[in-house]
C-alpha atoms as a PDB file:
ATOM      1  CA  MET A   1       0.000   0.000   0.000  1.00  0.00           C
ATOM      2  CA  GLN A   2       1.304   3.411  -0.932  1.00  0.00           C
ATOM      3  CA  ARG A   3       2.361   5.505   2.078  1.00  0.00           C
ATOM      4  CA  ARG A   4       0.338   8.673   2.480  1.00  0.00           C
ATOM      5  CA  SER A   5       1.172  11.741   4.441  1.00  0.00           C
ATOM      6  CA  VAL A   6      -0.625  12.495   7.683  1.00  0.00           C
ATOM      7  CA  MET A   7      -2.923  15.488   7.429  1.00  0.00           C
ATOM      8  CA  ALA A   8      -2.177  18.627   9.426  1.00  0.00           C
ATOM      9  CA  LEU A   9      -4.097  19.578  12.549  1.00  0.00           C
ATOM     10  CA  GLY A  10      -7.583  20.882  12.009  1.00  0.00           C
ATOM     11  CA  ALA A  11      -8.499  19.006   8.828  1.00  0.00           C
ATOM     12  CA  SER A  12     -12.224  19.104   8.337  1.00  0.00           C
ATOM     13  CA  LEU A  13     -12.946  16.240   5.917  1.00  0.00           C
ATOM     14  CA  SER A  14     -14.626  13.251   7.559  1.00  0.00           C
ATOM     15  CA  LEU A  15     -15.863   9.850   6.522  1.00  0.00           C
ATOM     16  CA  ASP A  16     -19.580   9.656   5.774  1.00  0.00           C
ATOM     17  CA  PRO A  17     -20.785   6.823   8.038  1.00  0.00           C
ATOM     18  CA  THR A  18     -23.516   5.929   5.515  1.00  0.00           C
ATOM     19  CA  LEU A  19     -20.854   4.937   2.958  1.00  0.00           C
ATOM     20  CA  GLY A  20     -19.128   2.414   5.193  1.00  0.00           C
ATOM     21  CA  TRP A  21     -15.413   2.223   5.788  1.00  0.00           C
ATOM     22  CA  ALA A  22     -14.690  -0.493   3.291  1.00  0.00           C
ATOM     23  CA  ASN A  23     -16.530   1.312   0.482  1.00  0.00           C
ATOM     24  CA  ALA A  24     -14.775   4.677   0.815  1.00  0.00           C
ATOM     25  CA  ARG A  25     -13.064   5.589  -2.478  1.00  0.00           C
ATOM     26  CA  GLN A  26     -10.242   7.502  -0.861  1.00  0.00           C
ATOM     27  CA  ASP A  27      -8.284   7.201   2.324  1.00  0.00           C
ATOM     28  CA  PRO A  28     -10.705   8.381   5.026  1.00  0.00           C
ATOM     29  CA  VAL A  29      -9.948  10.925   7.715  1.00  0.00           C
ATOM     30  CA  LEU A  30     -10.076   9.938  11.363  1.00  0.00           C
ATOM     31  CA  GLN A  31     -10.738  12.768  13.802  1.00  0.00           C
ATOM     32  CA  ALA A  32      -8.626  12.168  16.904  1.00  0.00           C
ATOM     33  CA  PHE A  33      -8.950  14.025  20.198  1.00  0.00           C
ATOM     34  CA  THR A  34      -6.626  13.908  23.182  1.00  0.00           C
ATOM     35  CA  GLU A  35      -5.537  15.877  26.243  1.00  0.00           C
ATOM     36  CA  ASN A  36      -2.326  17.194  27.729  1.00  0.00           C
ATOM     37  CA  LEU A  37      -1.016  14.044  29.415  1.00  0.00           C
ATOM     38  CA  PRO A  38       2.704  14.074  28.659  1.00  0.00           C
ATOM     39  CA  PRO A  39       4.660  12.148  27.697  1.00  0.00           C
ATOM     40  CA  LEU A  40       1.798  10.098  26.236  1.00  0.00           C
ATOM     41  CA  ASN A  41       0.066  12.996  24.471  1.00  0.00           C
ATOM     42  CA  TYR A  42       0.405  16.767  24.655  1.00  0.00           C
ATOM     43  CA  ALA A  43       0.471  19.971  22.624  1.00  0.00           C
ATOM     44  CA  GLU A  44       3.685  21.763  21.750  1.00  0.00           C
ATOM     45  CA  GLY A  45       2.621  24.976  20.071  1.00  0.00           C
ATOM     46  CA  ARG A  46       0.054  23.934  17.469  1.00  0.00           C
ATOM     47  CA  GLU A  47       1.442  20.416  17.113  1.00  0.00           C
ATOM     48  CA  ALA A  48       0.236  17.294  18.912  1.00  0.00           C
ATOM     49  CA  LYS A  49       3.119  15.212  20.231  1.00  0.00           C
ATOM     50  CA  GLY A  50       3.840  12.315  22.561  1.00  0.00           C
ATOM     51  CA  PHE A  51       4.165   8.538  22.544  1.00  0.00           C
ATOM     52  CA  SER A  52       0.490   7.744  21.927  1.00  0.00           C
ATOM     53  CA  THR A  53       0.240  10.483  19.300  1.00  0.00           C
ATOM     54  CA  GLU A  54       3.190   9.125  17.345  1.00  0.00           C
ATOM     55  CA  LEU A  55       1.836   5.597  17.720  1.00  0.00           C
ATOM     56  CA  LEU A  56      -1.541   6.618  16.294  1.00  0.00           C
ATOM     57  CA  ARG A  57       0.139   8.313  13.334  1.00  0.00           C
ATOM     58  CA  MET A  58       2.103   5.105  12.769  1.00  0.00           C
ATOM     59  CA  LEU A  59      -1.137   3.123  12.758  1.00  0.00           C
ATOM     60  CA  GLY A  60      -2.650   5.587  10.291  1.00  0.00           C
ATOM     61  CA  GLN A  61       0.186   5.012   7.842  1.00  0.00           C
ATOM     62  CA  GLN A  62      -0.079   1.258   8.342  1.00  0.00           C
ATOM     63  CA  ALA A  63      -3.880   1.075   7.926  1.00  0.00           C
ATOM     64  CA  GLY A  64      -4.218   3.737   5.217  1.00  0.00           C
ATOM     65  CA  PHE A  65      -6.107   6.652   6.729  1.00  0.00           C
ATOM     66  CA  HIS A  66      -5.422  10.322   7.313  1.00  0.00           C
ATOM     67  CA  LEU A  67      -5.456  11.913  10.766  1.00  0.00           C
ATOM     68  CA  SER A  68      -6.644  15.150  12.284  1.00  0.00           C
ATOM     69  CA  ILE A  69      -5.434  15.391  15.897  1.00  0.00           C
ATOM     70  CA  GLU A  70      -6.600  18.040  18.337  1.00  0.00           C
ATOM     71  CA  VAL A  71      -5.429  18.519  21.938  1.00  0.00           C
ATOM     72  CA  LEU A  72      -8.227  19.719  24.229  1.00  0.00           C
ATOM     73  CA  PRO A  73      -9.121  19.666  27.920  1.00  0.00           C
ATOM     74  CA  TRP A  74     -10.206  16.121  28.744  1.00  0.00           C
ATOM     75  CA  VAL A  75     -13.909  16.875  29.191  1.00  0.00           C
ATOM     76  CA  ARG A  76     -14.114  18.655  25.812  1.00  0.00           C
ATOM     77  CA  ALA A  77     -12.167  15.873  24.122  1.00  0.00           C
ATOM     78  CA  MET A  78     -14.675  13.308  25.405  1.00  0.00           C
ATOM     79  CA  GLN A  79     -17.597  15.452  24.258  1.00  0.00           C
ATOM     80  CA  GLN A  80     -16.171  15.746  20.747  1.00  0.00           C
ATOM     81  CA  VAL A  81     -15.759  11.989  20.406  1.00  0.00           C
ATOM     82  CA  GLN A  82     -19.307  11.387  21.588  1.00  0.00           C
ATOM     83  CA  LYS A  83     -20.601  13.592  18.752  1.00  0.00           C
ATOM     84  CA  ARG A  84     -18.719  12.052  15.833  1.00  0.00           C
ATOM     85  CA  PRO A  85     -18.936   8.504  14.434  1.00  0.00           C
ATOM     86  CA  ASP A  86     -15.463   8.903  12.878  1.00  0.00           C
ATOM     87  CA  ALA A  87     -13.720  10.005  16.089  1.00  0.00           C
ATOM     88  CA  ILE A  88     -11.156   8.455  18.398  1.00  0.00           C
ATOM     89  CA  LEU A  89     -10.149   9.413  21.957  1.00  0.00           C
ATOM     90  CA  PHE A  90      -6.779   8.741  23.549  1.00  0.00           C
ATOM     91  CA  SER A  91      -5.053   7.902  25.831  1.00  0.00           C
ATOM     92  CA  LEU A  92      -8.089   6.331  27.488  1.00  0.00           C
ATOM     93  CA  THR A  93      -8.166   4.096  30.559  1.00  0.00           C
ATOM     94  CA  ARG A  94     -10.286   1.013  29.876  1.00  0.00           C
ATOM     95  CA  THR A  95     -12.649   0.494  32.812  1.00  0.00           C
ATOM     96  CA  PRO A  96     -15.836  -1.592  33.251  1.00  0.00           C
ATOM     97  CA  GLU A  97     -18.027   1.512  33.344  1.00  0.00           C
ATOM     98  CA  ARG A  98     -16.592   2.724  30.030  1.00  0.00           C
ATOM     99  CA  GLU A  99     -16.682  -0.638  28.271  1.00  0.00           C
ATOM    100  CA  ALA A 100     -19.887  -0.040  26.303  1.00  0.00           C
ATOM    101  CA  GLN A 101     -19.152   3.649  25.679  1.00  0.00           C
ATOM    102  CA  PHE A 102     -16.365   2.966  23.172  1.00  0.00           C
ATOM    103  CA  LYS A 103     -14.973   0.486  20.706  1.00  0.00           C
ATOM    104  CA  TRP A 104     -11.465  -0.376  21.830  1.00  0.00           C
ATOM    105  CA  VAL A 105      -8.071  -0.663  20.142  1.00  0.00           C
ATOM    106  CA  GLY A 106      -5.032  -1.474  22.224  1.00  0.00           C
ATOM    107  CA  PRO A 107      -3.595  -1.628  24.699  1.00  0.00           C
ATOM    108  CA  ILE A 108      -1.334   1.380  24.154  1.00  0.00           C
ATOM    109  CA  SER A 109       0.743   1.199  27.333  1.00  0.00           C
ATOM    110  CA  PRO A 110       0.594   0.231  31.013  1.00  0.00           C
ATOM    111  CA  ARG A 111      -0.853   2.700  33.495  1.00  0.00           C
ATOM    112  CA  ARG A 112       0.555   3.125  37.028  1.00  0.00           C
ATOM    113  CA  ILE A 113      -1.176   5.738  39.189  1.00  0.00           C
ATOM    114  CA  VAL A 114       0.771   6.751  42.295  1.00  0.00           C
ATOM    115  CA  LEU A 115      -0.070   9.065  45.168  1.00  0.00           C
ATOM    116  CA  PHE A 116       2.665  11.664  45.687  1.00  0.00           C
ATOM    117  CA  LYS A 117       3.476  14.195  48.372  1.00  0.00           C
ATOM    118  CA  LEU A 118       6.215  16.797  48.598  1.00  0.00           C
ATOM    119  CA  ALA A 119       9.353  15.195  50.003  1.00  0.00           C
ATOM    120  CA  THR A 120       9.665  18.115  52.425  1.00  0.00           C
ATOM    121  CA  ARG A 121       6.303  17.317  54.056  1.00  0.00           C
ATOM    122  CA  GLN A 122       7.679  15.196  56.867  1.00  0.00           C
ATOM    123  CA  ASP A 123       4.436  15.748  58.774  1.00  0.00           C
ATOM    124  CA  LEU A 124       2.573  13.504  56.321  1.00  0.00           C
ATOM    125  CA  GLY A 125       2.911   9.808  56.950  1.00  0.00           C
ATOM    126  CA  VAL A 126       2.460   6.914  54.551  1.00  0.00           C
ATOM    127  CA  PRO A 127      -1.290   6.863  53.887  1.00  0.00           C
ATOM    128  CA  ASN A 128      -3.837   4.205  53.116  1.00  0.00           C
ATOM    129  CA  LEU A 129      -7.350   4.880  51.837  1.00  0.00           C
ATOM    130  CA  GLN A 130      -8.785   5.164  55.327  1.00  0.00           C
ATOM    131  CA  ARG A 131      -6.148   7.698  56.399  1.00  0.00           C
ATOM    132  CA  LEU A 132      -6.847   9.872  53.337  1.00  0.00           C
ATOM    133  CA  ALA A 133     -10.183  11.014  54.742  1.00  0.00           C
ATOM    134  CA  GLY A 134     -10.021  14.787  55.136  1.00  0.00           C
ATOM    135  CA  ALA A 135      -6.780  15.179  53.171  1.00  0.00           C
ATOM    136  CA  LYS A 136      -6.666  17.314  50.016  1.00  0.00           C
ATOM    137  CA  ILE A 137      -5.775  15.226  46.946  1.00  0.00           C
ATOM    138  CA  GLY A 138      -5.282  16.616  43.447  1.00  0.00           C
ATOM    139  CA  VAL A 139      -6.838  14.687  40.548  1.00  0.00           C
ATOM    140  CA  VAL A 140      -7.755  15.521  36.952  1.00  0.00           C
ATOM    141  CA  ARG A 141     -11.418  16.346  36.393  1.00  0.00           C
ATOM    142  CA  GLU A 142     -13.472  13.518  34.794  1.00  0.00           C
ATOM    143  CA  SER A 143     -10.473  11.174  34.830  1.00  0.00           C
ATOM    144  CA  ALA A 144     -10.685   7.459  35.584  1.00  0.00           C
ATOM    145  CA  THR A 145      -8.631   8.112  38.724  1.00  0.00           C
ATOM    146  CA  ALA A 146     -11.106  10.709  39.976  1.00  0.00           C
ATOM    147  CA  ARG A 147     -13.983   8.280  39.459  1.00  0.00           C
ATOM    148  CA  GLN A 148     -12.136   5.451  41.186  1.00  0.00           C
ATOM    149  CA  MET A 149     -11.365   7.632  44.182  1.00  0.00           C
ATOM    150  CA  GLN A 150     -15.019   8.615  44.433  1.00  0.00           C
ATOM    151  CA  ASN A 151     -15.934   4.915  44.342  1.00  0.00           C
ATOM    152  CA  ASP A 152     -13.457   4.410  47.185  1.00  0.00           C
ATOM    153  CA  GLY A 153     -15.358   6.922  49.317  1.00  0.00           C
ATOM    154  CA  LEU A 154     -13.463  10.173  48.696  1.00  0.00           C
ATOM    155  CA  ASP A 155     -15.605  13.190  47.860  1.00  0.00           C
ATOM    156  CA  ILE A 156     -15.182  16.113  45.474  1.00  0.00           C
ATOM    157  CA  GLY A 157     -14.841  19.312  47.458  1.00  0.00           C
ATOM    158  CA  GLN A 158     -13.818  17.386  50.570  1.00  0.00           C
ATOM    159  CA  GLU A 159     -10.811  15.223  49.766  1.00  0.00           C
ATOM    160  CA  LEU A 160     -10.687  15.589  45.974  1.00  0.00           C
ATOM    161  CA  GLU A 161      -9.378  18.800  44.394  1.00  0.00           C
ATOM    162  CA  LEU A 162     -10.162  18.842  40.658  1.00  0.00           C
ATOM    163  CA  ALA A 163      -7.921  20.378  37.989  1.00  0.00           C
ATOM    164  CA  LEU A 164      -7.890  20.438  34.195  1.00  0.00           C
ATOM    165  CA  ASP A 165      -4.541  18.627  33.927  1.00  0.00           C
ATOM    166  CA  ASP A 166      -1.487  17.300  35.745  1.00  0.00           C
ATOM    167  CA  THR A 167       0.437  20.560  35.403  1.00  0.00           C
ATOM    168  CA  ASN A 168      -2.143  22.451  37.445  1.00  0.00           C
ATOM    169  CA  ASN A 169      -2.207  19.740  40.101  1.00  0.00           C
ATOM    170  CA  LEU A 170       1.569  19.797  40.487  1.00  0.00           C
ATOM    171  CA  ARG A 171       1.585  23.584  40.797  1.00  0.00           C
ATOM    172  CA  LYS A 172      -1.060  23.387  43.515  1.00  0.00           C
ATOM    173  CA  LEU A 173       0.956  20.762  45.369  1.00  0.00           C
ATOM    174  CA  LEU A 174       4.120  22.868  45.163  1.00  0.00           C
ATOM    175  CA  ALA A 175       2.184  25.882  46.448  1.00  0.00           C
ATOM    176  CA  GLY A 176       0.981  23.935  49.492  1.00  0.00           C
ATOM    177  CA  ARG A 177      -2.684  23.963  48.458  1.00  0.00           C
ATOM    178  CA  MET A 178      -3.026  20.188  48.891  1.00  0.00           C
ATOM    179  CA  GLU A 179      -1.300  17.340  50.692  1.00  0.00           C
ATOM    180  CA  TYR A 180      -1.221  14.773  47.891  1.00  0.00           C
ATOM    181  CA  MET A 181      -1.727  14.374  44.171  1.00  0.00           C
ATOM    182  CA  ALA A 182      -2.553  11.289  42.101  1.00  0.00           C
ATOM    183  CA  MET A 183      -0.502  11.014  38.906  1.00  0.00           C
ATOM    184  CA  LEU A 184       1.187   8.569  36.581  1.00  0.00           C
ATOM    185  CA  ASP A 185       4.696   7.880  37.829  1.00  0.00           C
ATOM    186  CA  TRP A 186       6.397   8.753  34.532  1.00  0.00           C
ATOM    187  CA  ALA A 187       4.100  11.761  34.010  1.00  0.00           C
ATOM    188  CA  ALA A 188       5.231  13.126  37.375  1.00  0.00           C
ATOM    189  CA  ALA A 189       8.863  12.751  36.289  1.00  0.00           C
ATOM    190  CA  TRP A 190       8.118  14.555  32.998  1.00  0.00           C
ATOM    191  CA  GLN A 191       6.281  17.411  34.731  1.00  0.00           C
ATOM    192  CA  LEU A 192       9.143  17.965  37.166  1.00  0.00           C
ATOM    193  CA  GLN A 193      11.633  17.986  34.317  1.00  0.00           C
ATOM    194  CA  GLN A 194       9.663  20.726  32.558  1.00  0.00           C
ATOM    195  CA  MET A 195       9.891  22.825  35.740  1.00  0.00           C
ATOM    196  CA  ASP A 196      13.635  22.133  36.149  1.00  0.00           C
ATOM    197  CA  LEU A 197      12.962  20.363  39.431  1.00  0.00           C
ATOM    198  CA  PRO A 198      14.602  17.110  40.533  1.00  0.00           C
ATOM    199  CA  TYR A 199      12.496  13.975  40.851  1.00  0.00           C
ATOM    200  CA  SER A 200      13.417  13.954  44.553  1.00  0.00           C
ATOM    201  CA  THR A 201      11.043  16.933  44.942  1.00  0.00           C
ATOM    202  CA  LEU A 202       8.257  14.357  45.200  1.00  0.00           C
ATOM    203  CA  GLN A 203       7.895  11.250  47.280  1.00  0.00           C
ATOM    204  CA  ALA A 204       5.697   8.356  46.172  1.00  0.00           C
ATOM    205  CA  VAL A 205       3.665   7.232  49.173  1.00  0.00           C
ATOM    206  CA  LEU A 206       0.996   4.891  47.770  1.00  0.00           C
ATOM    207  CA  ASP A 207       0.586   2.712  44.669  1.00  0.00           C
ATOM    208  CA  TYR A 208      -3.043   3.575  44.087  1.00  0.00           C
ATOM    209  CA  ASP A 209      -4.051   1.958  40.785  1.00  0.00           C
ATOM    210  CA  VAL A 210      -1.489  -0.117  38.887  1.00  0.00           C
ATOM    211  CA  ASP A 211      -3.437  -2.870  37.058  1.00  0.00           C
ATOM    212  CA  LYS A 212      -4.999  -0.989  34.117  1.00  0.00           C
ATOM    213  CA  SER A 213      -3.792   0.072  30.669  1.00  0.00           C
ATOM    214  CA  TYR A 214      -4.313   2.920  28.227  1.00  0.00           C
ATOM    215  CA  TRP A 215      -6.253   2.316  24.998  1.00  0.00           C
ATOM    216  CA  PHE A 216      -7.572   4.098  21.934  1.00  0.00           C
ATOM    217  CA  GLY A 217     -11.354   4.513  22.318  1.00  0.00           C
ATOM    218  CA  LEU A 218     -13.555   4.960  19.252  1.00  0.00           C
ATOM    219  CA  ASN A 219     -17.098   6.276  19.110  1.00  0.00           C
ATOM    220  CA  PRO A 220     -19.415   3.239  19.474  1.00  0.00           C
ATOM    221  CA  ARG A 221     -20.984   4.094  16.093  1.00  0.00           C
ATOM    222  CA  SER A 222     -17.607   3.653  14.381  1.00  0.00           C
ATOM    223  CA  ASP A 223     -17.451   1.139  11.551  1.00  0.00           C
ATOM    224  CA  ASP A 224     -16.240  -2.237  12.818  1.00  0.00           C
ATOM    225  CA  THR A 225     -13.956  -2.515   9.795  1.00  0.00           C
ATOM    226  CA  LEU A 226     -12.112   0.586  10.966  1.00  0.00           C
ATOM    227  CA  VAL A 227     -11.667  -0.888  14.434  1.00  0.00           C
ATOM    228  CA  ARG A 228     -10.319  -4.147  13.025  1.00  0.00           C
ATOM    229  CA  ARG A 229      -7.884  -2.352  10.717  1.00  0.00           C
ATOM    230  CA  LEU A 230      -6.570  -0.219  13.565  1.00  0.00           C
ATOM    231  CA  GLN A 231      -6.101  -3.253  15.821  1.00  0.00           C
ATOM    232  CA  ALA A 232      -4.387  -5.177  13.028  1.00  0.00           C
ATOM    233  CA  ALA A 233      -2.052  -2.220  12.449  1.00  0.00           C
ATOM    234  CA  LEU A 234      -1.189  -2.040  16.162  1.00  0.00           C
ATOM    235  CA  ASP A 235      -0.534  -5.780  16.287  1.00  0.00           C
ATOM    236  CA  SER A 236       1.722  -5.432  13.233  1.00  0.00           C
ATOM    237  CA  VAL A 237       3.880  -2.618  14.649  1.00  0.00           C
ATOM    238  CA  ARG A 238       4.278  -4.608  17.865  1.00  0.00           C
ATOM    239  CA  ARG A 239       5.467  -7.686  15.976  1.00  0.00           C
ATOM    240  CA  ASP A 240       7.991  -5.895  13.765  1.00  0.00           C
ATOM    241  CA  GLY A 241       9.635  -3.913  16.590  1.00  0.00           C
ATOM    242  CA  ARG A 242       8.454  -0.410  15.707  1.00  0.00           C
ATOM    243  CA  TYR A 243       6.348  -0.177  18.871  1.00  0.00           C
ATOM    244  CA  GLU A 244       9.283  -1.081  21.124  1.00  0.00           C
ATOM    245  CA  ARG A 245      11.637   1.351  19.398  1.00  0.00           C
ATOM    246  CA  LEU A 246       9.094   4.142  19.869  1.00  0.00           C
ATOM    247  CA  ARG A 247       8.520   3.166  23.505  1.00  0.00           C
ATOM    248  CA  GLN A 248      12.238   3.330  24.283  1.00  0.00           C
ATOM    249  CA  ARG A 249      12.370   6.926  23.039  1.00  0.00           C
ATOM    250  CA  TYR A 250       9.862   7.998  25.708  1.00  0.00           C
ATOM    251  CA  PHE A 251      10.191   5.519  28.591  1.00  0.00           C
ATOM    252  CA  ARG A 252      13.825   4.808  29.346  1.00  0.00           C
END
């Protein structure tokens, strides 16, 4: 199959769902939406970057479709995908409550959520869920972690402090506005690096959620042929080593 260039951000052409994926006469356009969750996915100027972003572009070249990728706040990204039958959301935690809300391609990568505190806060001990009652914990609004913490009995406005992204949560923690924050271990390292702070600024105090993975989630009205082609492309780049070479660039 001839290689085709990936479309720039903001392309407006979309696949007419009434035509069906297999019957499209030209390479279709997949509208992809993501959030600032570096190093998986993030915006640098007007360009979407990150491990998952590059992986999706790789799959597009493999499967023969064009991409339009937009980085938005997580809630808006989810809303956009819910509106469009040709849309994909990433990087998305696959949970039982979300299972029927998307068609799934993946997994993209493991997901390890850790509870951090400032290393200088010697007054804070090593917590468990029961000892977190009354503590201020930073989480990203509408994230799988926020929902899981609510299921574990922590309340928004009491224990849970909501923010649009990890950067805001880290800034709040550094400013002393909360005791803890929940974040991916490698995302915490990336955020500290951007602020020219050593990793020793933070101390991991609790492995909160370490048994899930990130996936690509497609609108449930997406053509099943598209889903199969994406999964086949992902399986192919895993087998031939391209996935591992890309992973090593981001997660050393």
